[in-house]
Amino acid sequence: MKWNRSTLGEIAKRTSSVIQTGPFGSQLHQHEYEDEGVPVIMPKDISGGRVLEESVARISETTAERLNRHRLNPRTLVVPRRGDVTKRAFITADQDGWLCGTGCLKIELKGDVLSPEYLYYFMEQEDVVSWIRQNSVGTTMLNLSAAIIADLPVAYPDFPSQSRIASILTTYDDLIENNRRRMTLLEESARLLYREWFVHFRFPGHESTRFSNGLPEGWERGHIGDFIDQGAVDLQTGPFGTQLKASDYTEDGTPVINVRNIGYGDLRPDKLEFVPEEIAERLSVHLLRPDDIVFGRKGAVDRHILITQAHDGWMQGSDCIRLRSLTEQVCPVILSFAFREPSHHDWMLTQCGNKATMASLNQSVIGRIPILVPCEKIRSEFQVYTRDLLNQIANLTSQNQKLKTARDLLLPRLMSGEIEV
């Protein structure tokens, strides 16, 4: 199979393709964002090769029309211009007409020279990721321009071969995406049950339950700190930088959950790191068990992950705090769903200062988190209902990790021509 070599910019010029930065801050102001309208993709919304729709900001249709040149078509790639510039998202038909936001650039390929799907996978290779990182500018935060990405060297076979390579890899990604959607439905089912029982108080037997001061009899309100003081809840900050250095990370071993891996109750496996077993044993106090809750200490302080059986024995990273319940009164599953409520996100951001630089979480703030403690009967029943859902989610998560591992092993062999297509 013959391989051609060129730069992305040269290919774009030959095919009238588009490499274009999103609107500048002077074109799209903070006050123009609204609760509803046309979604605008920012760097924070890109993870795992896709757009995280739950976090996307929006603008009015009128504003979007003014910025029409930044509209996105299906099969366009969106890349951050600052921060983690090695990420990228592939725009689907569901995102047709969305906007490339400030802080991003779009790559819209035309013609039959370079396939967008092929380029998407090409940019995932380690040497390409290294090239982007090394050619970006900035010390504290990397910055990527349209001119820099246009200089990206691209090796590519004929167009039909590109399509076959992308098709093989897409098969894995489609399976991963289907599992992810199933997980979303399962989680939403559990979340609706939580709201029904613990927000609207329509739990089994609520009709005959007596209420006092707005709470069912036998229920209490408190703070996590109350249980810390009783020794019923344990908090553990991640290892210090002197205990766990950047040079300690390896390609396999014990997985380490860092703040970028923490979602809204779930794991974001993108860019998961590992340490050797001997380092994990030395730092065993930081190993995680099922039902632990892990918070990020910097930045996205309103997010957390509930550790499942699939993550048993993994390790918390330096930028995390682990909460472990040592009593049946404090149910981690109930806590996790409480932490997914919008009111909790707002509370956390307010308590952590919501600083312009970076919000910061500490044990004192966690101690002040208000919690609801239901009676033992309702706690047990909720865990029975949700445990099966959470186990299904954990199994699907494990399947996706295996699919991703297989796909990641296949990708460089396809891209190098080692495997003929």
Protein backbone atom coordinates (compact mmCIF):
# COMPACT_ATOMS: atom_id res chain seq x y z
CA MET A 1 0.00 0.00 0.00
CA LYS A 2 1.44 3.35 -1.09
CA TRP A 3 1.59 6.13 1.51
CA ASN A 4 1.53 9.83 0.63
CA ARG A 5 3.07 12.54 2.78
CA SER A 6 2.06 16.17 3.03
CA THR A 7 1.01 18.75 5.60
CA LEU A 8 -2.55 19.34 6.70
CA GLY A 9 -2.35 22.91 5.38
CA GLU A 10 -1.18 21.82 1.92
CA ILE A 11 -4.02 19.30 1.70
CA ALA A 12 -6.52 21.93 2.86
CA LYS A 13 -5.30 24.34 0.17
CA ARG A 14 -5.58 21.72 -2.59
CA THR A 15 -9.11 20.70 -1.57
CA SER A 16 -10.52 24.10 -0.48
CA SER A 17 -10.86 22.69 3.04
CA VAL A 18 -11.16 24.91 6.12
CA ILE A 19 -8.82 25.28 9.11
CA GLN A 20 -10.31 28.09 11.16
CA THR A 21 -10.20 29.39 14.72
CA GLY A 22 -13.37 30.06 16.68
CA PRO A 23 -14.65 33.59 17.35
CA PHE A 24 -12.44 35.92 19.38
CA GLY A 25 -13.61 37.21 22.74
CA SER A 26 -14.40 40.56 21.13
CA GLN A 27 -16.86 38.77 18.81
CA LEU A 28 -18.56 36.60 21.43
CA HIS A 29 -18.93 38.13 24.89
CA GLN A 30 -19.64 36.40 28.20
CA HIS A 31 -23.00 38.18 28.59
CA GLU A 32 -24.23 36.66 25.31
CA TYR A 33 -24.39 33.14 26.74
CA GLU A 34 -27.89 31.91 27.60
CA ASP A 35 -29.58 28.89 29.18
CA GLU A 36 -31.09 27.80 25.88
CA GLY A 37 -30.22 28.16 22.21
CA VAL A 38 -27.41 27.06 19.91
CA PRO A 39 -24.68 25.00 21.68
CA VAL A 40 -21.13 26.41 21.60
CA ILE A 41 -18.26 23.91 21.94
CA MET A 42 -15.43 24.98 24.27
CA PRO A 43 -12.21 23.10 25.20
CA LYS A 44 -13.81 21.92 28.47
CA ASP A 45 -16.56 20.19 26.49
CA ILE A 46 -14.15 17.89 24.62
CA SER A 47 -13.26 14.55 26.20
CA GLY A 48 -12.63 11.05 24.91
CA GLY A 49 -12.91 12.14 21.30
CA ARG A 50 -16.44 13.46 21.66
CA VAL A 51 -18.41 16.45 22.92
CA LEU A 52 -19.75 16.30 26.48
CA GLU A 53 -23.17 17.76 25.78
CA GLU A 54 -24.16 18.20 29.44
CA SER A 55 -21.62 20.99 29.96
CA VAL A 56 -22.07 22.92 26.69
CA ALA A 57 -22.90 26.66 26.90
CA ARG A 58 -25.45 28.19 24.53
CA ILE A 59 -26.18 31.39 22.63
CA SER A 60 -29.28 32.77 20.93
CA GLU A 61 -30.09 31.94 17.31
CA THR A 62 -29.59 35.64 16.47
CA THR A 63 -26.04 35.62 17.87
CA ALA A 64 -25.31 32.32 16.11
CA GLU A 65 -26.44 33.80 12.78
CA ARG A 66 -24.01 36.68 13.26
CA LEU A 67 -21.23 34.11 13.81
CA ASN A 68 -22.43 31.86 11.00
CA ARG A 69 -18.91 31.19 9.63
CA HIS A 70 -18.16 29.33 12.86
CA ARG A 71 -21.07 26.90 12.45
CA LEU A 72 -20.11 23.22 12.45
CA ASN A 73 -21.02 20.63 9.85
CA PRO A 74 -21.06 16.86 10.45
CA ARG A 75 -17.64 15.18 10.04
CA THR A 76 -15.80 18.33 11.15
CA LEU A 77 -13.00 18.01 13.74
CA VAL A 78 -12.89 20.46 16.64
CA VAL A 79 -9.58 20.94 18.49
CA PRO A 80 -8.81 23.09 21.59
CA ARG A 81 -6.52 26.08 20.98
CA ARG A 82 -5.37 26.25 24.58
CA GLY A 83 -4.86 23.89 27.51
CA ASP A 84 -4.91 20.24 26.46
CA VAL A 85 -4.42 20.94 22.76
CA THR A 86 -4.06 17.22 21.96
CA LYS A 87 -7.79 16.55 22.41
CA ARG A 88 -10.21 16.51 19.50
CA ALA A 89 -13.89 15.86 18.87
CA PHE A 90 -15.62 14.48 15.77
CA ILE A 91 -18.84 16.35 15.02
CA THR A 92 -21.83 14.07 14.42
CA ALA A 93 -25.15 14.68 12.64
CA ASP A 94 -26.71 15.39 16.06
CA GLN A 95 -24.35 18.38 16.44
CA ASP A 96 -24.99 19.85 12.97
CA GLY A 97 -25.23 23.64 13.21
CA TRP A 98 -23.52 23.93 16.59
CA LEU A 99 -20.82 26.57 16.95
CA CYS A 100 -17.04 26.28 17.22
CA GLY A 101 -16.42 28.32 20.36
CA THR A 102 -13.76 30.70 21.54
CA GLY A 103 -10.75 28.63 22.51
CA CYS A 104 -11.25 26.04 19.73
CA LEU A 105 -10.52 25.67 16.03
CA LYS A 106 -12.26 23.58 13.40
CA ILE A 107 -10.89 21.38 10.62
CA GLU A 108 -13.45 20.87 7.86
CA LEU A 109 -12.08 18.59 5.14
CA LYS A 110 -13.49 18.49 1.61
CA GLY A 111 -12.81 16.37 -1.45
CA ASP A 112 -11.39 12.85 -1.69
CA VAL A 113 -7.77 13.39 -0.64
CA LEU A 114 -7.99 13.12 3.15
CA SER A 115 -10.92 11.54 4.99
CA PRO A 116 -12.09 13.34 8.18
CA GLU A 117 -12.56 9.96 9.88
CA TYR A 118 -9.02 8.92 8.96
CA LEU A 119 -7.58 12.23 10.20
CA TYR A 120 -9.49 11.83 13.47
CA TYR A 121 -7.71 8.53 14.17
CA PHE A 122 -4.40 9.70 12.70
CA MET A 123 -4.30 12.50 15.29
CA GLU A 124 -4.58 9.97 18.11
CA GLN A 125 -1.18 8.39 17.42
CA GLU A 126 1.48 9.04 20.06
CA ASP A 127 3.95 10.65 17.65
CA VAL A 128 1.24 13.02 16.34
CA VAL A 129 0.16 13.91 19.88
CA SER A 130 3.83 14.63 20.72
CA TRP A 131 4.22 16.79 17.59
CA ILE A 132 1.18 18.90 18.51
CA ARG A 133 2.38 19.32 22.08
CA GLN A 134 5.95 20.21 21.08
CA ASN A 135 4.92 22.70 18.40
CA SER A 136 2.34 24.50 20.53
CA VAL A 137 3.50 27.65 22.31
CA GLY A 138 3.33 28.65 25.97
CA THR A 139 4.84 27.49 29.24
CA THR A 140 2.03 27.50 31.82
CA MET A 141 -0.66 26.80 29.19
CA LEU A 142 -0.11 25.47 25.68
CA ASN A 143 -1.63 27.43 22.79
CA LEU A 144 -2.34 26.06 19.33
CA SER A 145 -3.05 28.21 16.26
CA ALA A 146 -4.53 27.43 12.85
CA ALA A 147 -1.08 28.09 11.35
CA ILE A 148 0.57 25.52 13.65
CA ILE A 149 -2.01 22.79 12.99
CA ALA A 150 -1.70 23.52 9.25
CA ASP A 151 1.99 22.50 9.50
CA LEU A 152 1.05 19.07 10.91
CA PRO A 153 2.77 16.35 8.80
CA VAL A 154 0.21 13.79 7.58
CA ALA A 155 0.91 10.33 6.16
CA TYR A 156 -2.04 8.82 4.32
CA PRO A 157 -2.83 6.02 1.83
CA ASP A 158 -5.35 6.24 -1.01
CA PHE A 159 -8.87 7.39 -0.10
CA PRO A 160 -10.56 3.93 -0.16
CA SER A 161 -7.83 2.55 2.14
CA GLN A 162 -8.35 5.48 4.52
CA SER A 163 -12.06 4.65 4.63
CA ARG A 164 -11.36 0.99 5.40
CA ILE A 165 -8.91 1.87 8.20
CA ALA A 166 -11.40 4.31 9.73
CA SER A 167 -14.24 1.78 9.37
CA ILE A 168 -12.35 -0.87 11.36
CA LEU A 169 -11.60 1.55 14.19
CA THR A 170 -15.10 3.06 14.08
CA THR A 171 -16.58 -0.40 14.71
CA TYR A 172 -14.86 -0.41 18.11
CA ASP A 173 -15.90 3.17 18.83
CA ASP A 174 -19.51 2.45 17.89
CA LEU A 175 -19.62 -0.43 20.38
CA ILE A 176 -18.08 1.83 23.03
CA GLU A 177 -20.61 4.58 22.25
CA ASN A 178 -23.57 2.17 22.39
CA ASN A 179 -22.41 0.97 25.81
CA ARG A 180 -21.97 4.57 26.93
CA ARG A 181 -25.54 5.40 25.92
CA ARG A 182 -26.83 2.38 27.80
CA MET A 183 -24.90 3.57 30.86
CA THR A 184 -26.45 7.03 30.51
CA LEU A 185 -29.97 5.54 30.48
CA LEU A 186 -29.23 3.34 33.50
CA GLU A 187 -27.78 6.28 35.43
CA GLU A 188 -30.73 8.50 34.54
CA SER A 189 -33.10 5.81 35.81
CA ALA A 190 -31.26 5.72 39.16
CA ARG A 191 -31.13 9.53 39.30
CA LEU A 192 -34.89 9.83 38.76
CA LEU A 193 -35.47 7.29 41.53
CA TYR A 194 -33.26 9.34 43.86
CA ARG A 195 -35.24 12.51 43.14
CA GLU A 196 -38.54 10.71 43.62
CA TRP A 197 -37.55 9.33 47.03
CA PHE A 198 -35.24 11.97 48.52
CA VAL A 199 -36.25 15.25 46.87
CA HIS A 200 -40.01 14.80 46.47
CA PHE A 201 -40.27 12.32 49.40
CA ARG A 202 -42.41 9.89 47.37
CA PHE A 203 -40.66 6.78 48.70
CA PRO A 204 -42.44 3.45 49.36
CA GLY A 205 -44.89 3.94 52.23
CA HIS A 206 -44.74 7.75 52.15
CA GLU A 207 -48.55 7.96 52.24
CA SER A 208 -48.67 6.68 55.82
CA THR A 209 -45.44 8.32 57.04
CA ARG A 210 -45.60 11.15 59.57
CA PHE A 211 -43.57 14.28 58.81
CA SER A 212 -41.95 16.64 61.29
CA ASN A 213 -40.20 19.91 60.34
CA GLY A 214 -40.41 18.96 56.68
CA LEU A 215 -38.77 15.55 57.13
CA PRO A 216 -40.19 12.03 57.43
CA GLU A 217 -40.00 10.64 60.96
CA GLY A 218 -36.66 8.93 61.58
CA TRP A 219 -34.84 11.02 58.99
CA GLU A 220 -32.18 13.59 59.84
CA ARG A 221 -30.30 16.47 58.27
CA GLY A 222 -26.66 17.02 59.06
CA HIS A 223 -23.23 17.67 57.61
CA ILE A 224 -20.47 15.30 56.58
CA GLY A 225 -18.32 16.90 59.28
CA ASP A 226 -20.70 15.55 61.96
CA PHE A 227 -19.77 12.02 60.93
CA ILE A 228 -16.08 12.85 60.53
CA ASP A 229 -16.08 13.99 64.16
CA GLN A 230 -17.67 10.68 65.17
CA GLY A 231 -15.06 8.69 63.24
CA ALA A 232 -17.81 7.40 60.94
CA VAL A 233 -16.42 9.04 57.80
CA ASP A 234 -12.76 9.07 56.78
CA LEU A 235 -11.16 11.60 54.42
CA GLN A 236 -7.83 11.01 52.71
CA THR A 237 -5.96 13.51 50.55
CA GLY A 238 -4.02 12.04 47.62
CA PRO A 239 -0.25 11.46 47.80
CA PHE A 240 2.00 14.53 47.87
CA GLY A 241 4.17 15.34 44.88
CA THR A 242 7.19 14.12 46.84
CA GLN A 243 5.52 10.70 47.23
CA LEU A 244 4.25 10.33 43.67
CA LYS A 245 6.33 11.96 40.94
CA ALA A 246 5.58 12.39 37.23
CA SER A 247 8.47 10.02 36.49
CA ASP A 248 6.71 7.24 38.47
CA TYR A 249 3.96 6.81 35.86
CA THR A 250 4.17 3.87 33.45
CA GLU A 251 2.18 2.48 30.51
CA ASP A 252 0.48 -0.18 32.64
CA GLY A 253 0.09 -1.28 36.25
CA THR A 254 -2.32 0.12 38.85
CA PRO A 255 -4.68 2.76 37.36
CA VAL A 256 -4.56 6.19 39.03
CA ILE A 257 -7.66 8.40 39.12
CA ASN A 258 -6.71 12.04 38.65
CA VAL A 259 -9.03 15.04 38.52
CA ARG A 260 -9.38 14.84 34.72
CA ASN A 261 -10.83 11.32 35.12
CA ILE A 262 -13.62 12.46 37.44
CA GLY A 263 -17.05 12.99 35.90
CA TYR A 264 -20.44 13.63 37.45
CA GLY A 265 -20.47 10.43 39.48
CA ASP A 266 -18.74 8.39 36.79
CA LEU A 267 -15.25 7.69 35.48
CA ARG A 268 -13.77 9.50 32.49
CA PRO A 269 -11.14 7.01 31.31
CA ASP A 270 -9.58 9.44 28.83
CA LYS A 271 -5.82 9.76 29.50
CA LEU A 272 -5.89 7.36 32.46
CA GLU A 273 -2.42 6.95 34.01
CA PHE A 274 -0.77 3.99 35.74
CA VAL A 275 1.91 3.28 38.35
CA PRO A 276 3.91 0.07 38.96
CA GLU A 277 2.51 -2.37 41.53
CA GLU A 278 5.40 -1.70 43.95
CA ILE A 279 4.57 2.03 44.07
CA ALA A 280 0.88 1.23 44.59
CA GLU A 281 1.84 -1.04 47.52
CA ARG A 282 4.04 1.68 49.03
CA LEU A 283 1.12 4.13 48.76
CA SER A 284 -1.51 1.58 49.82
CA VAL A 285 -3.31 4.12 52.04
CA HIS A 286 -4.42 5.75 48.77
CA LEU A 287 -5.85 2.57 47.21
CA LEU A 288 -9.59 2.70 46.57
CA ARG A 289 -12.44 0.40 47.54
CA PRO A 290 -15.97 0.02 46.15
CA ASP A 291 -18.28 2.78 47.49
CA ASP A 292 -15.43 5.24 48.08
CA ILE A 293 -16.17 8.71 46.72
CA VAL A 294 -13.35 10.67 45.08
CA PHE A 295 -13.36 14.46 44.57
CA GLY A 296 -10.98 16.65 42.60
CA ARG A 297 -9.13 19.22 44.73
CA LYS A 298 -8.51 21.75 41.95
CA GLY A 299 -10.69 23.11 39.18
CA ALA A 300 -13.81 20.96 38.73
CA VAL A 301 -14.53 20.71 42.47
CA ASP A 302 -18.24 20.04 41.87
CA ARG A 303 -17.49 16.67 40.26
CA HIS A 304 -16.94 13.30 41.93
CA ILE A 305 -16.72 9.61 41.14
CA LEU A 306 -18.38 6.75 43.01
CA ILE A 307 -15.93 3.86 43.05
CA THR A 308 -17.44 0.58 41.86
CA GLN A 309 -16.22 -3.03 41.81
CA ALA A 310 -14.63 -2.25 38.42
CA HIS A 311 -12.29 0.27 40.11
CA ASP A 312 -11.44 -1.83 43.18
CA GLY A 313 -7.72 -1.50 43.99
CA TRP A 314 -7.18 1.57 41.82
CA MET A 315 -5.37 4.54 43.36
CA GLN A 316 -6.36 8.14 43.99
CA GLY A 317 -4.10 10.76 42.42
CA SER A 318 -2.29 13.66 44.06
CA ASP A 319 -5.01 16.14 43.10
CA CYS A 320 -7.85 14.18 44.73
CA ILE A 321 -9.59 13.71 48.09
CA ARG A 322 -11.17 10.36 48.99
CA LEU A 323 -14.27 10.04 51.22
CA ARG A 324 -14.93 6.64 52.81
CA SER A 325 -18.02 5.87 54.90
CA LEU A 326 -17.40 3.65 57.92
CA THR A 327 -21.04 3.53 59.00
CA GLU A 328 -24.30 2.32 57.44
CA GLN A 329 -25.89 5.67 58.32
CA VAL A 330 -23.89 7.44 55.61
CA CYS A 331 -24.79 5.62 52.40
CA PRO A 332 -22.24 6.39 49.63
CA VAL A 333 -24.75 5.55 46.88
CA ILE A 334 -27.27 8.07 48.24
CA LEU A 335 -24.49 10.63 48.72
CA SER A 336 -23.32 10.15 45.14
CA PHE A 337 -26.76 10.85 43.69
CA ALA A 338 -27.15 13.85 46.00
CA PHE A 339 -23.83 15.14 44.65
CA ARG A 340 -25.21 14.91 41.09
CA GLU A 341 -27.98 17.43 41.81
CA PRO A 342 -27.57 20.93 40.31
CA SER A 343 -28.05 22.50 43.75
CA HIS A 344 -25.00 20.61 45.03
CA HIS A 345 -22.86 21.75 42.09
CA ASP A 346 -23.82 25.38 42.80
CA TRP A 347 -23.12 24.96 46.52
CA MET A 348 -19.67 23.46 45.93
CA LEU A 349 -18.60 26.16 43.49
CA THR A 350 -19.77 28.87 45.89
CA GLN A 351 -18.04 27.31 48.90
CA CYS A 352 -14.80 26.77 47.00
CA GLY A 353 -14.65 30.43 46.07
CA ASN A 354 -15.41 29.96 42.36
CA LYS A 355 -12.18 31.91 41.89
CA ALA A 356 -11.19 33.37 38.54
CA THR A 357 -7.96 31.39 38.73
CA MET A 358 -9.03 27.95 39.94
CA ALA A 359 -11.56 26.74 42.51
CA SER A 360 -9.96 24.75 45.34
CA LEU A 361 -11.49 22.04 47.54
CA ASN A 362 -10.23 21.03 50.99
CA GLN A 363 -11.36 18.81 53.86
CA SER A 364 -12.95 21.75 55.66
CA VAL A 365 -15.33 22.40 52.75
CA ILE A 366 -16.22 18.70 52.51
CA GLY A 367 -17.04 18.73 56.21
CA ARG A 368 -19.59 21.50 55.61
CA ILE A 369 -21.47 19.61 52.86
CA PRO A 370 -25.11 19.26 53.99
CA ILE A 371 -26.50 15.72 53.78
CA LEU A 372 -29.80 13.95 54.28
CA VAL A 373 -29.77 10.78 56.39
CA PRO A 374 -32.86 8.63 55.70
CA CYS A 375 -34.08 5.88 58.01
CA GLU A 376 -32.42 2.47 57.76
CA LYS A 377 -35.36 0.84 55.91
CA ILE A 378 -35.37 3.39 53.07
CA ARG A 379 -31.55 3.36 52.84
CA SER A 380 -31.57 -0.41 52.39
CA GLU A 381 -34.41 -0.41 49.86
CA PHE A 382 -32.75 2.30 47.75
CA GLN A 383 -29.49 0.35 47.67
CA VAL A 384 -31.35 -2.80 46.58
CA TYR A 385 -33.01 -0.92 43.71
CA THR A 386 -29.87 0.89 42.56
CA ARG A 387 -27.19 -1.74 43.17
CA ASP A 388 -28.20 -3.77 40.12
CA LEU A 389 -28.21 -0.61 37.97
CA LEU A 390 -24.76 0.37 39.24
CA ASN A 391 -23.42 -3.16 38.67
CA GLN A 392 -24.68 -3.05 35.08
CA ILE A 393 -22.95 0.31 34.62
CA ALA A 394 -19.73 -1.13 36.10
CA ASN A 395 -19.89 -4.13 33.73
CA LEU A 396 -20.42 -1.87 30.72
CA THR A 397 -17.53 0.32 31.90
CA SER A 398 -15.31 -2.77 32.06
CA GLN A 399 -16.41 -3.83 28.56
CA ASN A 400 -15.56 -0.38 27.23
CA GLN A 401 -12.11 -0.46 28.81
CA LYS A 402 -11.39 -3.80 27.08
CA LEU A 403 -12.72 -2.51 23.75
CA LYS A 404 -10.60 0.63 24.04
CA THR A 405 -7.49 -1.41 24.86
CA ALA A 406 -8.03 -3.61 21.79
CA ARG A 407 -8.67 -0.57 19.60
CA ASP A 408 -5.57 1.24 20.91
CA LEU A 409 -3.40 -1.78 20.08
CA LEU A 410 -4.87 -1.96 16.59
CA LEU A 411 -4.62 1.76 15.72
CA PRO A 412 -0.81 2.12 15.27
CA ARG A 413 -0.61 -1.15 13.32
CA LEU A 414 -3.26 0.06 10.88
CA MET A 415 -1.72 3.51 10.59
CA SER A 416 1.76 2.12 9.90
CA GLY A 417 0.56 -0.30 7.23
CA GLU A 418 1.63 -3.29 9.34
CA ILE A 419 -1.91 -4.60 8.92
CA GLU A 420 -3.11 -4.53 5.31
CA VAL A 421 -6.67 -3.35 4.65
